[in-house]
Amino acid sequence: MQLIYPPRCLSCGALTDSDFGLCGACWRDTPFIGGTVCDSCGVPVPGEGDGHRIECDDCLKTPRTWQDGRAALMYEGRAKSLILSLKHGDRPELARPAALWMALAGRELIQPGMLIAPVPLHWSRLMKRRYNQSALLAQHLTAETGSEVCPDLLVRRKRTPVLDGKTAAQRAEILADVIAPHPKRRQRISGRDILLVDDVMTSGATLAACTQACRDAGANHISVLVLARVAKDAYFAQD
């Protein structure tokens, strides 16, 4: 089969050694997050870990409502192009390798008995896109980790405007009381550790709304894992 359909780079299309991978050049140009990171949002921070909890200035200024967070990539350059292709370019096959990267980035967060839940799309956007990219990531993530997933644990009760360009305060106001547990899934949340999954974290307002919905339903420890984190400079430029 490889003679007919040889494996190609997910980003540039160049020939590669295996399916669902990046060529050497694209791998080097993809901003994977490594080294010391903020324990709350996953953004890289200077210095080395000393065994104590580390938080970036942003998370110290505005503490997160969840306990721990990680991200696999910075939302820039080649990573941004890949995510936009997954989200809007009808390339759901990108979710499989992306989930592997997320599993590696979030290996310290994933615990036995944890329930994985994606950030929900409103039904009208789901009909337009045909799939929820966060749900695809969550489903592939459970294949990588063996953890249980509930794709419709949470729902969006109303359609919200696009959040691009909104400040953190505006995002929080727009999302107030928008996300809730699915009426038929609420009982699965009580007393459970929850891992919320999304494609991109900007201000964290959407994940905060999901966290609040889970906490109101009796969740225990709540962590977040995203494919990419918007760089602080880019985030503040949007504000």
C-alpha atoms as a PDB file:
ATOM      1  CA  MET A   1       0.000   0.000   0.000  1.00  0.00           C
ATOM      2  CA  GLN A   2       2.896   2.385   0.744  1.00  0.00           C
ATOM      3  CA  LEU A   3       4.100   1.932  -2.850  1.00  0.00           C
ATOM      4  CA  ILE A   4       0.739   3.306  -4.042  1.00  0.00           C
ATOM      5  CA  TYR A   5       0.229   5.858  -1.267  1.00  0.00           C
ATOM      6  CA  PRO A   6       3.657   6.649   0.232  1.00  0.00           C
ATOM      7  CA  PRO A   7       3.614   8.379   3.621  1.00  0.00           C
ATOM      8  CA  ARG A   8       3.865  12.138   3.421  1.00  0.00           C
ATOM      9  CA  CYS A   9       4.526  14.958   5.860  1.00  0.00           C
ATOM     10  CA  LEU A  10       1.356  16.237   7.497  1.00  0.00           C
ATOM     11  CA  SER A  11       2.499  19.807   7.006  1.00  0.00           C
ATOM     12  CA  CYS A  12       4.324  20.189   3.683  1.00  0.00           C
ATOM     13  CA  GLY A  13       3.504  16.917   1.899  1.00  0.00           C
ATOM     14  CA  ALA A  14       7.113  15.784   1.502  1.00  0.00           C
ATOM     15  CA  LEU A  15       7.818  12.044   1.642  1.00  0.00           C
ATOM     16  CA  THR A  16       8.402  10.684   5.146  1.00  0.00           C
ATOM     17  CA  ASP A  17       9.327   7.341   6.708  1.00  0.00           C
ATOM     18  CA  SER A  18       5.932   6.756   8.333  1.00  0.00           C
ATOM     19  CA  ASP A  19       2.305   7.867   8.214  1.00  0.00           C
ATOM     20  CA  PHE A  20       0.953  10.652  10.418  1.00  0.00           C
ATOM     21  CA  GLY A  21       4.309  12.332  10.912  1.00  0.00           C
ATOM     22  CA  LEU A  22       6.326  15.410  10.050  1.00  0.00           C
ATOM     23  CA  CYS A  23       9.411  15.569   7.869  1.00  0.00           C
ATOM     24  CA  GLY A  24      12.664  16.635   9.529  1.00  0.00           C
ATOM     25  CA  ALA A  25      12.421  20.230   8.348  1.00  0.00           C
ATOM     26  CA  CYS A  26       8.818  20.680   9.495  1.00  0.00           C
ATOM     27  CA  TRP A  27       9.544  19.011  12.822  1.00  0.00           C
ATOM     28  CA  ARG A  28      12.345  21.505  13.476  1.00  0.00           C
ATOM     29  CA  ASP A  29      10.039  24.390  12.518  1.00  0.00           C
ATOM     30  CA  THR A  30       7.150  23.246  14.732  1.00  0.00           C
ATOM     31  CA  PRO A  31       7.206  25.027  18.134  1.00  0.00           C
ATOM     32  CA  PHE A  32       6.863  22.099  20.532  1.00  0.00           C
ATOM     33  CA  ILE A  33       6.856  23.116  24.186  1.00  0.00           C
ATOM     34  CA  GLY A  34       9.601  21.619  26.310  1.00  0.00           C
ATOM     35  CA  GLY A  35      11.639  22.397  29.397  1.00  0.00           C
ATOM     36  CA  THR A  36      10.170  24.271  32.343  1.00  0.00           C
ATOM     37  CA  VAL A  37       6.502  25.243  31.984  1.00  0.00           C
ATOM     38  CA  CYS A  38       3.802  26.937  34.006  1.00  0.00           C
ATOM     39  CA  ASP A  39       1.936  24.273  35.988  1.00  0.00           C
ATOM     40  CA  SER A  40      -1.371  26.064  35.446  1.00  0.00           C
ATOM     41  CA  CYS A  41      -1.396  26.829  31.715  1.00  0.00           C
ATOM     42  CA  GLY A  42       1.598  25.019  30.198  1.00  0.00           C
ATOM     43  CA  VAL A  43       3.336  28.073  28.732  1.00  0.00           C
ATOM     44  CA  PRO A  44       7.175  27.924  28.793  1.00  0.00           C
ATOM     45  CA  VAL A  45       8.817  29.832  31.628  1.00  0.00           C
ATOM     46  CA  PRO A  46      12.492  30.688  32.159  1.00  0.00           C
ATOM     47  CA  GLY A  47      14.697  28.808  34.597  1.00  0.00           C
ATOM     48  CA  GLU A  48      14.672  25.246  35.858  1.00  0.00           C
ATOM     49  CA  GLY A  49      12.185  23.388  38.005  1.00  0.00           C
ATOM     50  CA  ASP A  50      13.036  23.046  41.700  1.00  0.00           C
ATOM     51  CA  GLY A  51      10.333  20.607  42.732  1.00  0.00           C
ATOM     52  CA  HIS A  52       7.905  23.357  43.706  1.00  0.00           C
ATOM     53  CA  ARG A  53       4.882  24.549  41.758  1.00  0.00           C
ATOM     54  CA  ILE A  54       5.750  27.041  39.018  1.00  0.00           C
ATOM     55  CA  GLU A  55       3.326  29.577  37.571  1.00  0.00           C
ATOM     56  CA  CYS A  56       3.757  32.228  34.900  1.00  0.00           C
ATOM     57  CA  ASP A  57       3.105  35.904  35.634  1.00  0.00           C
ATOM     58  CA  ASP A  58      -0.285  35.712  33.916  1.00  0.00           C
ATOM     59  CA  CYS A  59      -1.490  32.839  36.121  1.00  0.00           C
ATOM     60  CA  LEU A  60      -0.090  34.489  39.256  1.00  0.00           C
ATOM     61  CA  LYS A  61      -2.002  37.653  38.391  1.00  0.00           C
ATOM     62  CA  THR A  62      -5.237  35.804  37.575  1.00  0.00           C
ATOM     63  CA  PRO A  63      -5.276  32.352  39.214  1.00  0.00           C
ATOM     64  CA  ARG A  64      -6.857  29.595  37.131  1.00  0.00           C
ATOM     65  CA  THR A  65     -10.033  27.906  38.295  1.00  0.00           C
ATOM     66  CA  TRP A  66      -8.647  24.478  37.360  1.00  0.00           C
ATOM     67  CA  GLN A  67      -5.724  22.788  39.116  1.00  0.00           C
ATOM     68  CA  ASP A  68      -3.169  21.925  36.411  1.00  0.00           C
ATOM     69  CA  GLY A  69      -2.694  22.622  32.713  1.00  0.00           C
ATOM     70  CA  ARG A  70      -0.383  21.632  29.873  1.00  0.00           C
ATOM     71  CA  ALA A  71       0.009  22.421  26.167  1.00  0.00           C
ATOM     72  CA  ALA A  72       1.915  20.576  23.446  1.00  0.00           C
ATOM     73  CA  LEU A  73       2.695  23.492  21.109  1.00  0.00           C
ATOM     74  CA  MET A  74       2.902  27.248  20.952  1.00  0.00           C
ATOM     75  CA  TYR A  75       0.209  28.657  18.673  1.00  0.00           C
ATOM     76  CA  GLU A  76       2.477  30.179  16.069  1.00  0.00           C
ATOM     77  CA  GLY A  77       4.146  29.422  12.753  1.00  0.00           C
ATOM     78  CA  ARG A  78       3.766  25.890  11.461  1.00  0.00           C
ATOM     79  CA  ALA A  79       1.776  24.801  14.526  1.00  0.00           C
ATOM     80  CA  LYS A  80      -0.822  27.494  13.870  1.00  0.00           C
ATOM     81  CA  SER A  81      -1.141  26.365  10.235  1.00  0.00           C
ATOM     82  CA  LEU A  82      -1.673  22.744  11.297  1.00  0.00           C
ATOM     83  CA  ILE A  83      -4.315  23.670  13.860  1.00  0.00           C
ATOM     84  CA  LEU A  84      -6.203  25.903  11.439  1.00  0.00           C
ATOM     85  CA  SER A  85      -6.170  23.019   8.954  1.00  0.00           C
ATOM     86  CA  LEU A  86      -7.628  20.720  11.614  1.00  0.00           C
ATOM     87  CA  LYS A  87     -10.198  23.284  12.725  1.00  0.00           C
ATOM     88  CA  HIS A  88     -11.313  24.837   9.451  1.00  0.00           C
ATOM     89  CA  GLY A  89      -9.493  23.001   6.660  1.00  0.00           C
ATOM     90  CA  ASP A  90     -11.378  19.691   6.811  1.00  0.00           C
ATOM     91  CA  ARG A  91      -8.326  17.702   7.877  1.00  0.00           C
ATOM     92  CA  PRO A  92      -9.546  15.565  10.791  1.00  0.00           C
ATOM     93  CA  GLU A  93      -6.671  13.112  10.259  1.00  0.00           C
ATOM     94  CA  LEU A  94      -4.406  15.665  11.977  1.00  0.00           C
ATOM     95  CA  ALA A  95      -6.093  14.879  15.303  1.00  0.00           C
ATOM     96  CA  ARG A  96      -4.348  11.506  15.601  1.00  0.00           C
ATOM     97  CA  PRO A  97      -0.718  12.716  15.718  1.00  0.00           C
ATOM     98  CA  ALA A  98      -1.792  15.839  17.612  1.00  0.00           C
ATOM     99  CA  ALA A  99      -3.278  13.659  20.360  1.00  0.00           C
ATOM    100  CA  LEU A 100       0.019  11.793  20.648  1.00  0.00           C
ATOM    101  CA  TRP A 101       1.854  15.089  21.153  1.00  0.00           C
ATOM    102  CA  MET A 102      -0.730  16.076  23.763  1.00  0.00           C
ATOM    103  CA  ALA A 103      -0.394  12.749  25.568  1.00  0.00           C
ATOM    104  CA  LEU A 104       3.350  13.344  25.867  1.00  0.00           C
ATOM    105  CA  ALA A 105       2.873  16.926  27.071  1.00  0.00           C
ATOM    106  CA  GLY A 106       0.198  15.915  29.577  1.00  0.00           C
ATOM    107  CA  ARG A 107       1.706  12.686  30.880  1.00  0.00           C
ATOM    108  CA  GLU A 108       2.017  14.167  34.390  1.00  0.00           C
ATOM    109  CA  LEU A 109      -1.678  15.110  34.438  1.00  0.00           C
ATOM    110  CA  ILE A 110      -3.298  11.890  33.264  1.00  0.00           C
ATOM    111  CA  GLN A 111      -4.246   9.674  36.185  1.00  0.00           C
ATOM    112  CA  PRO A 112      -6.094   6.336  36.504  1.00  0.00           C
ATOM    113  CA  GLY A 113      -9.864   6.773  36.587  1.00  0.00           C
ATOM    114  CA  MET A 114      -9.733  10.236  35.028  1.00  0.00           C
ATOM    115  CA  LEU A 115     -12.569  11.175  32.665  1.00  0.00           C
ATOM    116  CA  ILE A 116     -11.584  13.030  29.479  1.00  0.00           C
ATOM    117  CA  ALA A 117     -14.049  15.607  28.147  1.00  0.00           C
ATOM    118  CA  PRO A 118     -13.698  17.950  25.156  1.00  0.00           C
ATOM    119  CA  VAL A 119     -14.728  21.593  25.098  1.00  0.00           C
ATOM    120  CA  PRO A 120     -18.146  21.522  23.371  1.00  0.00           C
ATOM    121  CA  LEU A 121     -19.277  23.206  20.163  1.00  0.00           C
ATOM    122  CA  HIS A 122     -22.738  24.652  19.762  1.00  0.00           C
ATOM    123  CA  TRP A 123     -24.872  22.349  17.599  1.00  0.00           C
ATOM    124  CA  SER A 124     -25.146  24.963  14.835  1.00  0.00           C
ATOM    125  CA  ARG A 125     -21.365  25.226  14.484  1.00  0.00           C
ATOM    126  CA  LEU A 126     -21.054  21.450  14.691  1.00  0.00           C
ATOM    127  CA  MET A 127     -23.423  21.091  11.738  1.00  0.00           C
ATOM    128  CA  LYS A 128     -21.373  23.577   9.724  1.00  0.00           C
ATOM    129  CA  ARG A 129     -17.953  22.066  10.520  1.00  0.00           C
ATOM    130  CA  ARG A 130     -19.225  18.449  10.612  1.00  0.00           C
ATOM    131  CA  TYR A 131     -16.960  17.605  13.556  1.00  0.00           C
ATOM    132  CA  ASN A 132     -15.730  19.071  16.821  1.00  0.00           C
ATOM    133  CA  GLN A 133     -11.938  19.177  16.601  1.00  0.00           C
ATOM    134  CA  SER A 134     -11.650  19.081  20.405  1.00  0.00           C
ATOM    135  CA  ALA A 135     -13.777  15.921  20.522  1.00  0.00           C
ATOM    136  CA  LEU A 136     -11.543  14.301  17.895  1.00  0.00           C
ATOM    137  CA  LEU A 137      -8.488  15.152  19.985  1.00  0.00           C
ATOM    138  CA  ALA A 138     -10.157  13.728  23.100  1.00  0.00           C
ATOM    139  CA  GLN A 139     -11.107  10.488  21.341  1.00  0.00           C
ATOM    140  CA  HIS A 140      -7.595   9.953  20.002  1.00  0.00           C
ATOM    141  CA  LEU A 141      -6.164  10.939  23.382  1.00  0.00           C
ATOM    142  CA  THR A 142      -8.093   8.166  25.102  1.00  0.00           C
ATOM    143  CA  ALA A 143      -6.656   5.718  22.564  1.00  0.00           C
ATOM    144  CA  GLU A 144      -3.163   6.909  23.537  1.00  0.00           C
ATOM    145  CA  THR A 145      -3.726   6.869  27.300  1.00  0.00           C
ATOM    146  CA  GLY A 146      -6.419   4.287  27.960  1.00  0.00           C
ATOM    147  CA  SER A 147      -8.434   6.845  29.940  1.00  0.00           C
ATOM    148  CA  GLU A 148     -12.207   7.006  29.586  1.00  0.00           C
ATOM    149  CA  VAL A 149     -13.690   9.708  27.342  1.00  0.00           C
ATOM    150  CA  CYS A 150     -17.168  11.234  27.265  1.00  0.00           C
ATOM    151  CA  PRO A 151     -17.448  13.297  24.040  1.00  0.00           C
ATOM    152  CA  ASP A 152     -20.711  14.993  25.074  1.00  0.00           C
ATOM    153  CA  LEU A 153     -20.116  15.454  28.792  1.00  0.00           C
ATOM    154  CA  LEU A 154     -20.609  19.211  28.364  1.00  0.00           C
ATOM    155  CA  VAL A 155     -22.892  21.245  26.088  1.00  0.00           C
ATOM    156  CA  ARG A 156     -23.091  24.842  24.901  1.00  0.00           C
ATOM    157  CA  ARG A 157     -26.555  26.108  25.694  1.00  0.00           C
ATOM    158  CA  LYS A 158     -26.387  28.970  23.221  1.00  0.00           C
ATOM    159  CA  ARG A 159     -24.252  30.076  20.309  1.00  0.00           C
ATOM    160  CA  THR A 160     -21.700  32.724  21.222  1.00  0.00           C
ATOM    161  CA  PRO A 161     -19.953  35.206  18.914  1.00  0.00           C
ATOM    162  CA  VAL A 162     -16.409  34.521  17.733  1.00  0.00           C
ATOM    163  CA  LEU A 163     -14.053  35.343  20.593  1.00  0.00           C
ATOM    164  CA  ASP A 164     -11.048  36.411  18.503  1.00  0.00           C
ATOM    165  CA  GLY A 165      -9.969  39.916  19.457  1.00  0.00           C
ATOM    166  CA  LYS A 166     -11.968  39.953  22.698  1.00  0.00           C
ATOM    167  CA  THR A 167     -10.304  40.738  26.011  1.00  0.00           C
ATOM    168  CA  ALA A 168     -10.210  38.162  28.782  1.00  0.00           C
ATOM    169  CA  ALA A 169     -12.950  40.034  30.641  1.00  0.00           C
ATOM    170  CA  GLN A 170     -15.131  40.195  27.530  1.00  0.00           C
ATOM    171  CA  ARG A 171     -14.634  36.482  26.868  1.00  0.00           C
ATOM    172  CA  ALA A 172     -15.615  35.615  30.436  1.00  0.00           C
ATOM    173  CA  GLU A 173     -18.742  37.770  30.212  1.00  0.00           C
ATOM    174  CA  ILE A 174     -19.801  36.234  26.890  1.00  0.00           C
ATOM    175  CA  LEU A 175     -19.320  32.688  28.222  1.00  0.00           C
ATOM    176  CA  ALA A 176     -21.100  33.194  31.542  1.00  0.00           C
ATOM    177  CA  ASP A 177     -23.660  30.384  32.042  1.00  0.00           C
ATOM    178  CA  VAL A 178     -23.187  29.196  28.441  1.00  0.00           C
ATOM    179  CA  ILE A 179     -21.567  25.811  29.153  1.00  0.00           C
ATOM    180  CA  ALA A 180     -23.273  23.162  31.271  1.00  0.00           C
ATOM    181  CA  PRO A 181     -23.157  19.409  31.870  1.00  0.00           C
ATOM    182  CA  HIS A 182     -25.222  17.365  29.445  1.00  0.00           C
ATOM    183  CA  PRO A 183     -28.449  16.557  31.355  1.00  0.00           C
ATOM    184  CA  LYS A 184     -27.946  12.832  30.738  1.00  0.00           C
ATOM    185  CA  ARG A 185     -24.235  12.845  31.649  1.00  0.00           C
ATOM    186  CA  ARG A 186     -24.203  14.930  34.825  1.00  0.00           C
ATOM    187  CA  GLN A 187     -24.004  11.883  37.088  1.00  0.00           C
ATOM    188  CA  ARG A 188     -20.707  10.873  35.446  1.00  0.00           C
ATOM    189  CA  ILE A 189     -19.011  14.005  36.772  1.00  0.00           C
ATOM    190  CA  SER A 190     -19.672  13.769  40.502  1.00  0.00           C
ATOM    191  CA  GLY A 191     -16.554  12.774  42.437  1.00  0.00           C
ATOM    192  CA  ARG A 192     -14.474  12.258  39.273  1.00  0.00           C
ATOM    193  CA  ASP A 193     -11.152  13.736  38.181  1.00  0.00           C
ATOM    194  CA  ILE A 194     -11.782  15.505  34.870  1.00  0.00           C
ATOM    195  CA  LEU A 195      -9.335  16.290  32.046  1.00  0.00           C
ATOM    196  CA  LEU A 196     -10.704  19.043  29.797  1.00  0.00           C
ATOM    197  CA  VAL A 197      -9.373  18.979  26.237  1.00  0.00           C
ATOM    198  CA  ASP A 198      -9.301  21.813  23.694  1.00  0.00           C
ATOM    199  CA  ASP A 199      -7.355  22.719  20.589  1.00  0.00           C
ATOM    200  CA  VAL A 200      -6.130  26.196  21.605  1.00  0.00           C
ATOM    201  CA  MET A 201      -5.978  28.168  24.843  1.00  0.00           C
ATOM    202  CA  THR A 202      -5.908  31.952  24.534  1.00  0.00           C
ATOM    203  CA  SER A 203      -7.157  33.672  27.691  1.00  0.00           C
ATOM    204  CA  GLY A 204      -8.509  30.434  29.164  1.00  0.00           C
ATOM    205  CA  ALA A 205     -12.061  31.814  29.473  1.00  0.00           C
ATOM    206  CA  THR A 206     -13.675  28.874  27.661  1.00  0.00           C
ATOM    207  CA  LEU A 207     -11.822  26.331  29.776  1.00  0.00           C
ATOM    208  CA  ALA A 208     -12.750  28.302  32.898  1.00  0.00           C
ATOM    209  CA  ALA A 209     -16.429  28.099  31.913  1.00  0.00           C
ATOM    210  CA  CYS A 210     -16.072  24.335  31.389  1.00  0.00           C
ATOM    211  CA  THR A 211     -14.299  24.015  34.731  1.00  0.00           C
ATOM    212  CA  GLN A 212     -17.101  25.841  36.502  1.00  0.00           C
ATOM    213  CA  ALA A 213     -19.707  23.590  34.888  1.00  0.00           C
ATOM    214  CA  CYS A 214     -17.819  20.495  36.061  1.00  0.00           C
ATOM    215  CA  ARG A 215     -17.274  21.901  39.540  1.00  0.00           C
ATOM    216  CA  ASP A 216     -20.974  22.730  39.892  1.00  0.00           C
ATOM    217  CA  ALA A 217     -21.721  19.083  39.037  1.00  0.00           C
ATOM    218  CA  GLY A 218     -19.411  17.820  41.789  1.00  0.00           C
ATOM    219  CA  ALA A 219     -16.149  17.147  39.957  1.00  0.00           C
ATOM    220  CA  ASN A 220     -13.050  16.480  42.031  1.00  0.00           C
ATOM    221  CA  HIS A 221      -9.670  17.445  40.509  1.00  0.00           C
ATOM    222  CA  ILE A 222      -9.921  19.310  37.187  1.00  0.00           C
ATOM    223  CA  SER A 223      -7.003  19.641  34.742  1.00  0.00           C
ATOM    224  CA  VAL A 224      -6.780  21.028  31.232  1.00  0.00           C
ATOM    225  CA  LEU A 225      -4.778  19.809  28.247  1.00  0.00           C
ATOM    226  CA  VAL A 226      -4.624  21.737  24.980  1.00  0.00           C
ATOM    227  CA  LEU A 227      -2.889  21.211  21.688  1.00  0.00           C
ATOM    228  CA  ALA A 228      -1.538  24.764  21.622  1.00  0.00           C
ATOM    229  CA  ARG A 229      -1.137  27.790  23.860  1.00  0.00           C
ATOM    230  CA  VAL A 230      -1.311  31.282  22.375  1.00  0.00           C
ATOM    231  CA  ALA A 231       1.933  33.138  23.015  1.00  0.00           C
ATOM    232  CA  LYS A 232       1.576  35.787  25.688  1.00  0.00           C
ATOM    233  CA  ASP A 233       2.719  38.577  23.373  1.00  0.00           C
ATOM    234  CA  ALA A 234       0.078  37.582  20.835  1.00  0.00           C
ATOM    235  CA  TYR A 235      -2.558  37.281  23.554  1.00  0.00           C
ATOM    236  CA  PHE A 236      -1.891  40.699  24.985  1.00  0.00           C
ATOM    237  CA  ALA A 237      -1.787  42.171  21.470  1.00  0.00           C
ATOM    238  CA  GLN A 238      -5.339  40.893  21.000  1.00  0.00           C
ATOM    239  CA  ASP A 239      -6.397  42.544  24.228  1.00  0.00           C
END
